[in-house]
Amino acid sequence: MNFQDFLQYVPNLIPVELPANLAHLKMAPKGRLEELRSIDLKTKNPRIAAVMMLFYPKNDETHLVLIVRNAYNGVHSSQIAFPGGKYEISDINFEETALRETEEEVGVSLEKIEIIKKFTPVYIPPSNFLVHPFLGIAKEELSFYPDIREVADIIELPLSVFLDDEIIIETTLSTSYAIDILVPAFNIQNHIVWGATAMILSELREVLKITFGEKL
């Protein structure tokens, strides 16, 4: 979709009711479904993080940025994610966390980003994080400068590809907590996107389809 056309419909995103778990569960690993339905976050005392779902123009077309995390000794090693990270006490709110971490991880100045809408938080059992997603927009073409300590690569995803149902798959993975489990996922530029990122993407897709309807 042309970015200027996209911008015209962005105000319509704001009042859309979030589908929340109805969207998340479509892309949740099967073994987590019951856990996510019954979990009591008060007893988990999760760590807090915030991420940015950042749309921007590239060659006049609307794109969404994702990152490939570096390999490390942890449950999210080498996974596809949104720019974002852990909430710090110095952050005024979770929006500031998302903006600060986006600037740190991919080099996009927080001054270039307008936050449009907060999405439904997603709990990640293996790492005990509660992740708060925000939809943001940059109205100019961006250059990315990834933090080499955390980011192995940048994925620039066209909106038209993101909304194509052909990228939704099921695949078998071995994870930090299970071996050879069947999971729903997105196949994005030959990267398998699953887990919390896929769940957040699922809600984003639902909201965009409600907002834009036949315009997509």
N, C-alpha and C. Protein backbone atom coordinates (compact mmCIF):
# COMPACT_ATOMS: atom_id res chain seq x y z
N MET A 1 0.84 -1.20 0.00
CA MET A 1 0.00 0.00 0.00
C MET A 1 0.88 1.25 0.00
N ASN A 2 0.50 2.21 -0.83
CA ASN A 2 1.19 3.50 -0.85
C ASN A 2 1.13 4.14 0.53
N PHE A 3 2.25 4.71 0.96
CA PHE A 3 2.32 5.21 2.34
C PHE A 3 1.39 6.38 2.58
N GLN A 4 1.20 7.26 1.60
CA GLN A 4 0.30 8.38 1.79
C GLN A 4 -1.14 7.91 1.93
N ASP A 5 -1.51 6.87 1.19
CA ASP A 5 -2.84 6.28 1.36
C ASP A 5 -2.97 5.66 2.76
N PHE A 6 -1.91 5.00 3.20
CA PHE A 6 -1.90 4.41 4.53
C PHE A 6 -2.13 5.47 5.60
N LEU A 7 -1.45 6.61 5.48
CA LEU A 7 -1.58 7.67 6.48
C LEU A 7 -3.01 8.20 6.57
N GLN A 8 -3.72 8.23 5.46
CA GLN A 8 -5.08 8.76 5.47
C GLN A 8 -6.00 7.94 6.37
N TYR A 9 -5.70 6.65 6.48
CA TYR A 9 -6.58 5.76 7.24
C TYR A 9 -6.10 5.51 8.67
N VAL A 10 -4.90 5.99 8.98
CA VAL A 10 -4.34 5.75 10.31
C VAL A 10 -5.25 6.25 11.44
N PRO A 11 -5.89 7.43 11.33
CA PRO A 11 -6.79 7.85 12.43
C PRO A 11 -7.90 6.85 12.72
N ASN A 12 -8.28 6.06 11.72
CA ASN A 12 -9.33 5.06 11.93
C ASN A 12 -8.86 3.89 12.78
N LEU A 13 -7.54 3.76 12.94
CA LEU A 13 -7.01 2.69 13.79
C LEU A 13 -7.31 2.93 15.27
N ILE A 14 -7.34 4.19 15.65
CA ILE A 14 -7.38 4.53 17.07
C ILE A 14 -8.61 3.97 17.78
N PRO A 15 -9.82 4.10 17.23
CA PRO A 15 -10.98 3.61 17.98
C PRO A 15 -11.26 2.11 17.81
N VAL A 16 -10.50 1.41 16.99
CA VAL A 16 -10.77 -0.01 16.75
C VAL A 16 -10.57 -0.81 18.04
N GLU A 17 -11.56 -1.61 18.39
CA GLU A 17 -11.45 -2.46 19.57
C GLU A 17 -10.44 -3.57 19.32
N LEU A 18 -9.53 -3.74 20.25
CA LEU A 18 -8.48 -4.75 20.08
C LEU A 18 -9.05 -6.16 20.24
N PRO A 19 -8.72 -7.08 19.33
CA PRO A 19 -9.19 -8.46 19.46
C PRO A 19 -8.49 -9.24 20.55
N ALA A 20 -7.35 -8.74 21.03
CA ALA A 20 -6.64 -9.30 22.19
C ALA A 20 -6.40 -10.80 22.04
N ASN A 21 -6.82 -11.59 23.04
CA ASN A 21 -6.50 -13.02 23.04
C ASN A 21 -7.10 -13.77 21.86
N LEU A 22 -8.21 -13.29 21.31
CA LEU A 22 -8.79 -13.95 20.15
C LEU A 22 -7.80 -13.96 18.99
N ALA A 23 -7.03 -12.89 18.86
CA ALA A 23 -6.00 -12.83 17.83
C ALA A 23 -4.73 -13.54 18.27
N HIS A 24 -4.34 -13.35 19.52
CA HIS A 24 -3.11 -13.96 20.03
C HIS A 24 -3.15 -15.48 19.93
N LEU A 25 -4.28 -16.06 20.30
CA LEU A 25 -4.36 -17.52 20.35
C LEU A 25 -4.25 -18.17 18.99
N LYS A 26 -4.56 -17.42 17.93
CA LYS A 26 -4.42 -17.97 16.57
C LYS A 26 -2.97 -18.33 16.26
N MET A 27 -2.03 -17.62 16.89
CA MET A 27 -0.62 -17.83 16.57
C MET A 27 0.17 -18.29 17.80
N ALA A 28 -0.51 -18.73 18.83
CA ALA A 28 0.18 -19.21 20.04
C ALA A 28 0.61 -20.65 19.85
N PRO A 29 1.81 -21.01 20.29
CA PRO A 29 2.22 -22.42 20.27
C PRO A 29 1.19 -23.28 21.00
N LYS A 30 0.86 -24.43 20.41
CA LYS A 30 -0.23 -25.25 20.93
C LYS A 30 -0.06 -25.59 22.41
N GLY A 31 1.16 -25.87 22.82
CA GLY A 31 1.39 -26.25 24.21
C GLY A 31 1.14 -25.14 25.21
N ARG A 32 1.06 -23.91 24.71
CA ARG A 32 0.87 -22.78 25.62
C ARG A 32 -0.58 -22.33 25.75
N LEU A 33 -1.46 -22.88 24.95
CA LEU A 33 -2.81 -22.35 24.89
C LEU A 33 -3.51 -22.37 26.25
N GLU A 34 -3.49 -23.52 26.90
CA GLU A 34 -4.16 -23.61 28.20
C GLU A 34 -3.47 -22.74 29.25
N GLU A 35 -2.14 -22.71 29.19
CA GLU A 35 -1.38 -21.88 30.14
C GLU A 35 -1.74 -20.42 29.99
N LEU A 36 -1.84 -19.96 28.75
CA LEU A 36 -2.14 -18.55 28.51
C LEU A 36 -3.58 -18.21 28.92
N ARG A 37 -4.47 -19.17 28.79
CA ARG A 37 -5.87 -18.92 29.16
C ARG A 37 -6.04 -18.82 30.66
N SER A 38 -5.24 -19.56 31.40
CA SER A 38 -5.48 -19.67 32.85
C SER A 38 -4.45 -18.96 33.71
N ILE A 39 -3.47 -18.32 33.10
CA ILE A 39 -2.35 -17.79 33.86
C ILE A 39 -2.77 -16.62 34.76
N ASP A 40 -2.20 -16.57 35.93
CA ASP A 40 -2.42 -15.48 36.89
C ASP A 40 -1.12 -14.67 36.98
N LEU A 41 -1.11 -13.52 36.31
CA LEU A 41 0.13 -12.73 36.23
C LEU A 41 0.56 -12.19 37.59
N LYS A 42 -0.38 -12.02 38.51
CA LYS A 42 -0.01 -11.51 39.83
C LYS A 42 0.95 -12.45 40.54
N THR A 43 0.77 -13.73 40.32
CA THR A 43 1.64 -14.70 40.98
C THR A 43 2.98 -14.84 40.25
N LYS A 44 3.03 -14.43 38.99
CA LYS A 44 4.26 -14.56 38.19
C LYS A 44 5.21 -13.39 38.41
N ASN A 45 4.66 -12.22 38.78
CA ASN A 45 5.49 -11.01 38.94
C ASN A 45 6.45 -10.84 37.76
N PRO A 46 5.89 -10.73 36.53
CA PRO A 46 6.75 -10.72 35.34
C PRO A 46 7.60 -9.46 35.22
N ARG A 47 8.72 -9.62 34.54
CA ARG A 47 9.49 -8.46 34.13
C ARG A 47 8.73 -7.77 32.98
N ILE A 48 8.97 -6.48 32.82
CA ILE A 48 8.21 -5.70 31.84
C ILE A 48 9.11 -5.27 30.68
N ALA A 49 8.57 -5.37 29.48
CA ALA A 49 9.25 -4.90 28.29
C ALA A 49 8.24 -4.19 27.39
N ALA A 50 8.74 -3.41 26.45
CA ALA A 50 7.88 -2.73 25.48
C ALA A 50 8.55 -2.78 24.11
N VAL A 51 7.72 -2.95 23.07
CA VAL A 51 8.25 -3.05 21.71
C VAL A 51 7.50 -2.09 20.79
N MET A 52 8.14 -1.80 19.65
CA MET A 52 7.59 -0.85 18.69
C MET A 52 7.25 -1.56 17.38
N MET A 53 5.98 -1.46 16.98
CA MET A 53 5.56 -1.91 15.66
C MET A 53 5.60 -0.67 14.77
N LEU A 54 6.73 -0.48 14.10
CA LEU A 54 7.01 0.79 13.43
C LEU A 54 6.77 0.69 11.93
N PHE A 55 5.81 1.50 11.44
CA PHE A 55 5.54 1.62 10.01
C PHE A 55 6.23 2.87 9.48
N TYR A 56 6.67 2.79 8.23
CA TYR A 56 7.41 3.89 7.62
C TYR A 56 7.40 3.71 6.09
N PRO A 57 7.70 4.76 5.34
CA PRO A 57 7.73 4.62 3.87
C PRO A 57 9.09 4.17 3.37
N LYS A 58 9.07 3.31 2.38
CA LYS A 58 10.27 2.94 1.65
C LYS A 58 9.89 2.85 0.18
N ASN A 59 10.50 3.70 -0.65
CA ASN A 59 10.11 3.81 -2.06
C ASN A 59 8.61 4.05 -2.19
N ASP A 60 8.08 4.88 -1.31
CA ASP A 60 6.68 5.30 -1.27
C ASP A 60 5.71 4.21 -0.81
N GLU A 61 6.21 3.01 -0.50
CA GLU A 61 5.35 1.94 -0.04
C GLU A 61 5.48 1.76 1.47
N THR A 62 4.41 1.32 2.11
CA THR A 62 4.39 1.15 3.56
C THR A 62 5.14 -0.11 3.97
N HIS A 63 6.04 0.03 4.93
CA HIS A 63 6.83 -1.09 5.45
C HIS A 63 6.75 -1.14 6.97
N LEU A 64 7.04 -2.32 7.49
CA LEU A 64 7.12 -2.57 8.93
C LEU A 64 8.50 -3.15 9.22
N VAL A 65 9.16 -2.65 10.26
CA VAL A 65 10.51 -3.13 10.56
C VAL A 65 10.49 -4.20 11.64
N LEU A 66 11.27 -5.25 11.41
CA LEU A 66 11.53 -6.30 12.40
C LEU A 66 13.03 -6.46 12.53
N ILE A 67 13.46 -7.11 13.59
CA ILE A 67 14.89 -7.35 13.77
C ILE A 67 15.15 -8.85 13.95
N VAL A 68 16.36 -9.26 13.61
CA VAL A 68 16.85 -10.60 13.91
C VAL A 68 17.79 -10.46 15.10
N ARG A 69 17.43 -11.08 16.20
CA ARG A 69 18.27 -10.97 17.39
C ARG A 69 19.55 -11.80 17.23
N ASN A 70 20.62 -11.32 17.85
CA ASN A 70 21.87 -12.06 17.84
C ASN A 70 21.73 -13.40 18.56
N ALA A 71 22.59 -14.32 18.22
CA ALA A 71 22.66 -15.59 18.95
C ALA A 71 23.31 -15.35 20.31
N TYR A 72 22.70 -15.92 21.35
CA TYR A 72 23.25 -15.80 22.70
C TYR A 72 22.69 -16.94 23.54
N ASN A 73 23.16 -17.06 24.73
CA ASN A 73 22.71 -18.13 25.61
C ASN A 73 21.44 -17.70 26.34
N GLY A 74 20.31 -17.81 25.63
CA GLY A 74 19.04 -17.38 26.21
C GLY A 74 17.88 -17.88 25.38
N VAL A 75 16.65 -17.74 25.91
CA VAL A 75 15.49 -18.34 25.25
C VAL A 75 15.09 -17.62 23.97
N HIS A 76 15.53 -16.38 23.77
CA HIS A 76 15.13 -15.65 22.58
C HIS A 76 16.29 -15.50 21.57
N SER A 77 17.29 -16.34 21.72
CA SER A 77 18.45 -16.29 20.83
C SER A 77 18.05 -16.45 19.37
N SER A 78 18.54 -15.53 18.51
CA SER A 78 18.38 -15.58 17.05
C SER A 78 16.94 -15.46 16.57
N GLN A 79 16.03 -15.11 17.45
CA GLN A 79 14.62 -15.01 17.06
C GLN A 79 14.33 -13.68 16.35
N ILE A 80 13.22 -13.69 15.60
CA ILE A 80 12.73 -12.47 14.96
C ILE A 80 11.88 -11.72 15.99
N ALA A 81 12.06 -10.42 16.05
CA ALA A 81 11.38 -9.63 17.07
C ALA A 81 11.11 -8.23 16.54
N PHE A 82 10.37 -7.47 17.33
CA PHE A 82 10.24 -6.04 17.10
C PHE A 82 11.37 -5.32 17.84
N PRO A 83 11.76 -4.14 17.37
CA PRO A 83 12.65 -3.33 18.20
C PRO A 83 12.00 -3.08 19.56
N GLY A 84 12.77 -3.20 20.60
CA GLY A 84 12.21 -2.99 21.93
C GLY A 84 13.07 -3.65 22.99
N GLY A 85 12.64 -3.53 24.23
CA GLY A 85 13.43 -4.12 25.29
C GLY A 85 12.85 -3.85 26.66
N LYS A 86 13.67 -4.05 27.65
CA LYS A 86 13.24 -4.05 29.05
C LYS A 86 12.94 -2.64 29.56
N TYR A 87 11.86 -2.55 30.31
CA TYR A 87 11.50 -1.30 31.00
C TYR A 87 12.54 -0.96 32.06
N GLU A 88 12.95 0.30 32.08
CA GLU A 88 13.89 0.79 33.08
C GLU A 88 13.16 1.75 34.03
N ILE A 89 13.59 1.80 35.27
CA ILE A 89 12.95 2.66 36.27
C ILE A 89 12.96 4.12 35.82
N SER A 90 13.98 4.51 35.06
CA SER A 90 14.07 5.90 34.60
C SER A 90 13.06 6.23 33.50
N ASP A 91 12.43 5.21 32.89
CA ASP A 91 11.43 5.47 31.86
C ASP A 91 10.16 6.03 32.49
N ILE A 92 9.61 7.08 31.88
CA ILE A 92 8.39 7.70 32.41
C ILE A 92 7.22 6.73 32.31
N ASN A 93 7.16 5.99 31.20
CA ASN A 93 6.07 5.03 30.97
C ASN A 93 6.55 4.00 29.96
N PHE A 94 5.69 3.08 29.60
CA PHE A 94 6.08 2.01 28.68
C PHE A 94 6.27 2.54 27.26
N GLU A 95 5.56 3.61 26.90
CA GLU A 95 5.79 4.23 25.59
C GLU A 95 7.24 4.68 25.48
N GLU A 96 7.73 5.31 26.53
CA GLU A 96 9.12 5.78 26.51
C GLU A 96 10.08 4.61 26.40
N THR A 97 9.75 3.48 27.03
CA THR A 97 10.58 2.29 26.90
C THR A 97 10.68 1.87 25.45
N ALA A 98 9.53 1.79 24.78
CA ALA A 98 9.51 1.37 23.38
C ALA A 98 10.30 2.33 22.49
N LEU A 99 10.14 3.62 22.72
CA LEU A 99 10.85 4.62 21.93
C LEU A 99 12.35 4.56 22.19
N ARG A 100 12.73 4.51 23.45
CA ARG A 100 14.16 4.49 23.82
C ARG A 100 14.84 3.25 23.26
N GLU A 101 14.20 2.09 23.43
CA GLU A 101 14.81 0.85 22.97
C GLU A 101 14.88 0.78 21.44
N THR A 102 13.90 1.36 20.77
CA THR A 102 13.94 1.40 19.30
C THR A 102 15.13 2.22 18.83
N GLU A 103 15.34 3.36 19.47
CA GLU A 103 16.49 4.19 19.11
C GLU A 103 17.80 3.47 19.39
N GLU A 104 17.87 2.77 20.52
CA GLU A 104 19.10 2.07 20.88
C GLU A 104 19.37 0.88 19.96
N GLU A 105 18.34 0.15 19.58
CA GLU A 105 18.55 -1.09 18.83
C GLU A 105 18.70 -0.89 17.33
N VAL A 106 17.94 0.05 16.75
CA VAL A 106 18.00 0.20 15.29
C VAL A 106 18.36 1.60 14.84
N GLY A 107 18.62 2.50 15.79
CA GLY A 107 19.15 3.82 15.44
C GLY A 107 18.15 4.81 14.89
N VAL A 108 16.86 4.59 15.14
CA VAL A 108 15.84 5.54 14.69
C VAL A 108 15.54 6.50 15.85
N SER A 109 15.77 7.77 15.63
CA SER A 109 15.55 8.76 16.68
C SER A 109 14.10 8.74 17.14
N LEU A 110 13.90 8.78 18.45
CA LEU A 110 12.54 8.77 19.00
C LEU A 110 11.75 9.98 18.52
N GLU A 111 12.43 11.06 18.15
CA GLU A 111 11.74 12.26 17.67
C GLU A 111 11.06 12.04 16.32
N LYS A 112 11.47 11.00 15.60
CA LYS A 112 10.88 10.70 14.28
C LYS A 112 9.64 9.83 14.37
N ILE A 113 9.35 9.32 15.57
CA ILE A 113 8.28 8.34 15.72
C ILE A 113 7.08 8.94 16.45
N GLU A 114 5.92 8.77 15.86
CA GLU A 114 4.66 9.15 16.50
C GLU A 114 3.94 7.87 16.91
N ILE A 115 3.67 7.73 18.19
CA ILE A 115 2.94 6.56 18.67
C ILE A 115 1.45 6.77 18.45
N ILE A 116 0.82 5.79 17.80
CA ILE A 116 -0.58 5.89 17.41
C ILE A 116 -1.50 5.14 18.36
N LYS A 117 -1.07 3.95 18.79
CA LYS A 117 -1.99 3.10 19.56
C LYS A 117 -1.21 2.08 20.37
N LYS A 118 -1.69 1.80 21.57
CA LYS A 118 -1.15 0.72 22.39
C LYS A 118 -1.94 -0.55 22.08
N PHE A 119 -1.24 -1.66 21.96
CA PHE A 119 -1.88 -2.95 21.70
C PHE A 119 -1.87 -3.81 22.96
N THR A 120 -2.48 -4.98 22.88
CA THR A 120 -2.65 -5.84 24.03
C THR A 120 -1.32 -6.45 24.47
N PRO A 121 -0.96 -6.37 25.74
CA PRO A 121 0.27 -7.01 26.22
C PRO A 121 0.24 -8.52 26.02
N VAL A 122 1.43 -9.09 25.83
CA VAL A 122 1.60 -10.53 25.65
C VAL A 122 2.57 -11.04 26.71
N TYR A 123 2.17 -12.11 27.39
CA TYR A 123 3.03 -12.72 28.39
C TYR A 123 3.85 -13.84 27.74
N ILE A 124 5.16 -13.89 28.06
CA ILE A 124 6.07 -14.91 27.52
C ILE A 124 6.52 -15.80 28.66
N PRO A 125 5.93 -17.00 28.79
CA PRO A 125 6.26 -17.86 29.94
C PRO A 125 7.74 -18.23 30.07
N PRO A 126 8.44 -18.62 28.99
CA PRO A 126 9.83 -19.08 29.19
C PRO A 126 10.76 -18.04 29.80
N SER A 127 10.52 -16.75 29.48
CA SER A 127 11.40 -15.70 30.01
C SER A 127 10.72 -14.85 31.07
N ASN A 128 9.44 -15.13 31.34
CA ASN A 128 8.67 -14.39 32.36
C ASN A 128 8.68 -12.89 32.08
N PHE A 129 8.43 -12.52 30.82
CA PHE A 129 8.29 -11.12 30.43
C PHE A 129 6.85 -10.85 30.04
N LEU A 130 6.35 -9.69 30.42
CA LEU A 130 5.09 -9.16 29.91
C LEU A 130 5.45 -8.03 28.95
N VAL A 131 5.10 -8.22 27.69
CA VAL A 131 5.54 -7.30 26.63
C VAL A 131 4.38 -6.40 26.21
N HIS A 132 4.64 -5.09 26.23
CA HIS A 132 3.64 -4.10 25.84
C HIS A 132 3.97 -3.58 24.43
N PRO A 133 3.12 -3.89 23.43
CA PRO A 133 3.40 -3.42 22.06
C PRO A 133 2.75 -2.07 21.77
N PHE A 134 3.44 -1.26 20.99
CA PHE A 134 2.92 0.03 20.55
C PHE A 134 3.05 0.14 19.05
N LEU A 135 2.02 0.69 18.41
CA LEU A 135 2.09 0.98 16.98
C LEU A 135 2.59 2.40 16.80
N GLY A 136 3.68 2.53 16.04
CA GLY A 136 4.24 3.84 15.78
C GLY A 136 4.43 4.08 14.30
N ILE A 137 4.52 5.34 13.93
CA ILE A 137 4.70 5.72 12.53
C ILE A 137 5.82 6.74 12.40
N ALA A 138 6.69 6.53 11.42
CA ALA A 138 7.67 7.53 11.00
C ALA A 138 7.27 7.98 9.61
N LYS A 139 7.19 9.27 9.40
CA LYS A 139 6.64 9.78 8.14
C LYS A 139 7.69 10.07 7.09
N GLU A 140 8.91 9.61 7.33
CA GLU A 140 9.97 9.78 6.34
C GLU A 140 10.72 8.47 6.17
N GLU A 141 11.42 8.33 5.06
CA GLU A 141 12.22 7.13 4.85
C GLU A 141 13.30 7.06 5.92
N LEU A 142 13.59 5.85 6.35
CA LEU A 142 14.49 5.67 7.48
C LEU A 142 15.77 4.95 7.06
N SER A 143 16.84 5.28 7.73
CA SER A 143 18.08 4.51 7.67
C SER A 143 18.24 3.84 9.02
N PHE A 144 18.56 2.56 9.00
CA PHE A 144 18.69 1.81 10.24
C PHE A 144 20.15 1.58 10.58
N TYR A 145 20.47 1.74 11.86
CA TYR A 145 21.83 1.55 12.35
C TYR A 145 21.77 0.58 13.53
N PRO A 146 21.73 -0.71 13.23
CA PRO A 146 21.52 -1.70 14.29
C PRO A 146 22.66 -1.76 15.29
N ASP A 147 22.30 -1.97 16.54
CA ASP A 147 23.27 -2.19 17.61
C ASP A 147 23.83 -3.60 17.43
N ILE A 148 25.09 -3.70 17.07
CA ILE A 148 25.67 -5.01 16.74
C ILE A 148 25.74 -5.95 17.94
N ARG A 149 25.58 -5.41 19.14
CA ARG A 149 25.58 -6.26 20.34
C ARG A 149 24.28 -7.04 20.46
N GLU A 150 23.20 -6.51 19.88
CA GLU A 150 21.89 -7.12 20.06
C GLU A 150 21.22 -7.55 18.76
N VAL A 151 21.54 -6.89 17.67
CA VAL A 151 20.79 -7.08 16.42
C VAL A 151 21.70 -7.64 15.33
N ALA A 152 21.32 -8.80 14.80
CA ALA A 152 22.11 -9.42 13.74
C ALA A 152 21.70 -8.91 12.36
N ASP A 153 20.43 -8.53 12.19
CA ASP A 153 19.96 -8.11 10.87
C ASP A 153 18.65 -7.34 11.03
N ILE A 154 18.32 -6.59 9.98
CA ILE A 154 17.08 -5.82 9.90
C ILE A 154 16.21 -6.44 8.81
N ILE A 155 14.91 -6.59 9.10
CA ILE A 155 13.95 -7.05 8.10
C ILE A 155 13.00 -5.89 7.80
N GLU A 156 12.94 -5.48 6.54
CA GLU A 156 12.01 -4.44 6.12
C GLU A 156 10.87 -5.13 5.37
N LEU A 157 9.73 -5.20 6.03
CA LEU A 157 8.60 -6.01 5.56
C LEU A 157 7.54 -5.13 4.91
N PRO A 158 7.29 -5.29 3.61
CA PRO A 158 6.22 -4.53 2.98
C PRO A 158 4.86 -4.89 3.58
N LEU A 159 4.01 -3.90 3.75
CA LEU A 159 2.68 -4.15 4.31
C LEU A 159 1.91 -5.16 3.46
N SER A 160 2.04 -5.07 2.15
CA SER A 160 1.31 -5.98 1.26
C SER A 160 1.70 -7.43 1.51
N VAL A 161 2.97 -7.67 1.81
CA VAL A 161 3.43 -9.03 2.11
C VAL A 161 2.92 -9.47 3.48
N PHE A 162 2.98 -8.58 4.44
CA PHE A 162 2.53 -8.89 5.79
C PHE A 162 1.07 -9.33 5.82
N LEU A 163 0.25 -8.72 4.99
CA LEU A 163 -1.18 -9.02 5.00
C LEU A 163 -1.57 -10.16 4.08
N ASP A 164 -0.60 -10.75 3.40
CA ASP A 164 -0.86 -11.89 2.51
C ASP A 164 -0.99 -13.16 3.35
N ASP A 165 -2.12 -13.84 3.25
CA ASP A 165 -2.35 -15.05 4.05
C ASP A 165 -1.37 -16.18 3.71
N GLU A 166 -0.69 -16.07 2.58
CA GLU A 166 0.25 -17.12 2.17
C GLU A 166 1.45 -17.23 3.11
N ILE A 167 1.71 -16.19 3.91
CA ILE A 167 2.88 -16.25 4.79
C ILE A 167 2.57 -16.98 6.10
N ILE A 168 1.31 -17.33 6.33
CA ILE A 168 0.94 -18.05 7.55
C ILE A 168 1.14 -19.54 7.33
N ILE A 169 1.91 -20.18 8.20
CA ILE A 169 2.25 -21.59 8.06
C ILE A 169 2.15 -22.30 9.40
N GLU A 170 2.31 -23.61 9.37
CA GLU A 170 2.58 -24.39 10.58
C GLU A 170 3.91 -25.10 10.36
N THR A 171 4.73 -25.14 11.38
CA THR A 171 6.04 -25.75 11.25
C THR A 171 6.43 -26.42 12.56
N THR A 172 7.38 -27.34 12.48
CA THR A 172 7.85 -28.06 13.66
C THR A 172 9.17 -27.46 14.12
N LEU A 173 9.22 -27.11 15.41
CA LEU A 173 10.40 -26.47 15.98
C LEU A 173 10.80 -27.15 17.28
N SER A 174 12.07 -27.03 17.60
CA SER A 174 12.55 -27.38 18.93
C SER A 174 12.88 -26.09 19.65
N THR A 175 12.35 -25.93 20.85
CA THR A 175 12.48 -24.68 21.58
C THR A 175 13.22 -24.90 22.88
N SER A 176 13.29 -23.85 23.69
CA SER A 176 13.95 -23.94 24.98
C SER A 176 13.17 -24.81 25.96
N TYR A 177 11.90 -25.07 25.66
CA TYR A 177 11.06 -25.81 26.60
C TYR A 177 10.40 -27.05 26.00
N ALA A 178 10.60 -27.32 24.71
CA ALA A 178 9.97 -28.49 24.09
C ALA A 178 10.73 -28.88 22.83
N ILE A 179 10.62 -30.16 22.48
CA ILE A 179 11.30 -30.69 21.30
C ILE A 179 10.25 -31.08 20.26
N ASP A 180 10.48 -30.67 19.03
CA ASP A 180 9.64 -31.05 17.90
C ASP A 180 8.16 -30.77 18.16
N ILE A 181 7.85 -29.50 18.43
CA ILE A 181 6.45 -29.12 18.61
C ILE A 181 5.95 -28.41 17.36
N LEU A 182 4.67 -28.62 17.06
CA LEU A 182 4.05 -27.98 15.91
C LEU A 182 3.55 -26.61 16.33
N VAL A 183 3.99 -25.57 15.62
CA VAL A 183 3.59 -24.21 15.99
C VAL A 183 3.08 -23.45 14.76
N PRO A 184 2.09 -22.58 14.95
CA PRO A 184 1.72 -21.64 13.88
C PRO A 184 2.80 -20.57 13.78
N ALA A 185 3.04 -20.08 12.58
CA ALA A 185 4.13 -19.12 12.39
C ALA A 185 3.89 -18.31 11.12
N PHE A 186 4.68 -17.27 10.98
CA PHE A 186 4.75 -16.51 9.73
C PHE A 186 6.07 -16.82 9.05
N ASN A 187 6.02 -17.06 7.75
CA ASN A 187 7.24 -17.21 6.96
C ASN A 187 7.51 -15.87 6.29
N ILE A 188 8.43 -15.12 6.87
CA ILE A 188 8.72 -13.76 6.40
C ILE A 188 10.14 -13.70 5.88
N GLN A 189 10.26 -13.55 4.58
CA GLN A 189 11.57 -13.47 3.92
C GLN A 189 12.47 -14.62 4.37
N ASN A 190 11.88 -15.83 4.38
CA ASN A 190 12.57 -17.07 4.75
C ASN A 190 12.99 -17.12 6.22
N HIS A 191 12.41 -16.27 7.04
CA HIS A 191 12.57 -16.34 8.48
C HIS A 191 11.27 -16.87 9.09
N ILE A 192 11.38 -17.79 10.04
CA ILE A 192 10.22 -18.31 10.74
C ILE A 192 9.96 -17.45 11.96
N VAL A 193 8.80 -16.79 11.96
CA VAL A 193 8.43 -15.88 13.04
C VAL A 193 7.31 -16.54 13.84
N TRP A 194 7.59 -16.83 15.11
CA TRP A 194 6.62 -17.57 15.92
C TRP A 194 6.61 -17.00 17.34
N GLY A 195 5.84 -17.63 18.22
CA GLY A 195 5.83 -17.21 19.61
C GLY A 195 5.23 -15.84 19.81
N ALA A 196 5.77 -15.07 20.75
CA ALA A 196 5.19 -13.79 21.12
C ALA A 196 5.14 -12.81 19.95
N THR A 197 6.19 -12.78 19.13
CA THR A 197 6.19 -11.86 17.99
C THR A 197 5.06 -12.19 17.03
N ALA A 198 4.86 -13.48 16.76
CA ALA A 198 3.77 -13.89 15.87
C ALA A 198 2.41 -13.54 16.47
N MET A 199 2.27 -13.68 17.78
CA MET A 199 1.01 -13.36 18.45
C MET A 199 0.71 -11.86 18.35
N ILE A 200 1.72 -11.03 18.52
CA ILE A 200 1.55 -9.58 18.39
C ILE A 200 1.22 -9.23 16.95
N LEU A 201 1.92 -9.84 16.01
CA LEU A 201 1.65 -9.61 14.59
C LEU A 201 0.22 -10.01 14.23
N SER A 202 -0.27 -11.06 14.84
CA SER A 202 -1.63 -11.52 14.57
C SER A 202 -2.66 -10.47 14.96
N GLU A 203 -2.49 -9.86 16.14
CA GLU A 203 -3.42 -8.80 16.53
C GLU A 203 -3.29 -7.59 15.62
N LEU A 204 -2.07 -7.26 15.24
CA LEU A 204 -1.85 -6.13 14.33
C LEU A 204 -2.56 -6.37 12.99
N ARG A 205 -2.43 -7.58 12.44
CA ARG A 205 -3.11 -7.91 11.18
C ARG A 205 -4.62 -7.75 11.31
N GLU A 206 -5.18 -8.24 12.41
CA GLU A 206 -6.63 -8.15 12.59
C GLU A 206 -7.09 -6.69 12.62
N VAL A 207 -6.36 -5.86 13.35
CA VAL A 207 -6.74 -4.44 13.46
C VAL A 207 -6.61 -3.74 12.11
N LEU A 208 -5.55 -4.04 11.37
CA LEU A 208 -5.38 -3.41 10.06
C LEU A 208 -6.49 -3.83 9.10
N LYS A 209 -6.87 -5.08 9.13
CA LYS A 209 -7.91 -5.55 8.22
C LYS A 209 -9.27 -4.94 8.57
N ILE A 210 -9.53 -4.76 9.87
CA ILE A 210 -10.76 -4.08 10.28
C ILE A 210 -10.75 -2.62 9.81
N THR A 211 -9.60 -1.98 9.96
CA THR A 211 -9.48 -0.56 9.65
C THR A 211 -9.57 -0.28 8.16
N PHE A 212 -8.84 -1.05 7.38
CA PHE A 212 -8.70 -0.74 5.95
C PHE A 212 -9.69 -1.48 5.08
N GLY A 213 -10.19 -2.62 5.54
CA GLY A 213 -11.18 -3.36 4.80
C GLY A 213 -10.78 -3.61 3.37
N GLU A 214 -11.62 -3.24 2.44
CA GLU A 214 -11.39 -3.51 1.02
C GLU A 214 -10.27 -2.65 0.42
N LYS A 215 -9.80 -1.66 1.18
CA LYS A 215 -8.73 -0.80 0.68
C LYS A 215 -7.40 -1.54 0.62
N LEU A 216 -7.27 -2.65 1.37
CA LEU A 216 -6.01 -3.39 1.40
C LEU A 216 -5.87 -4.25 0.15
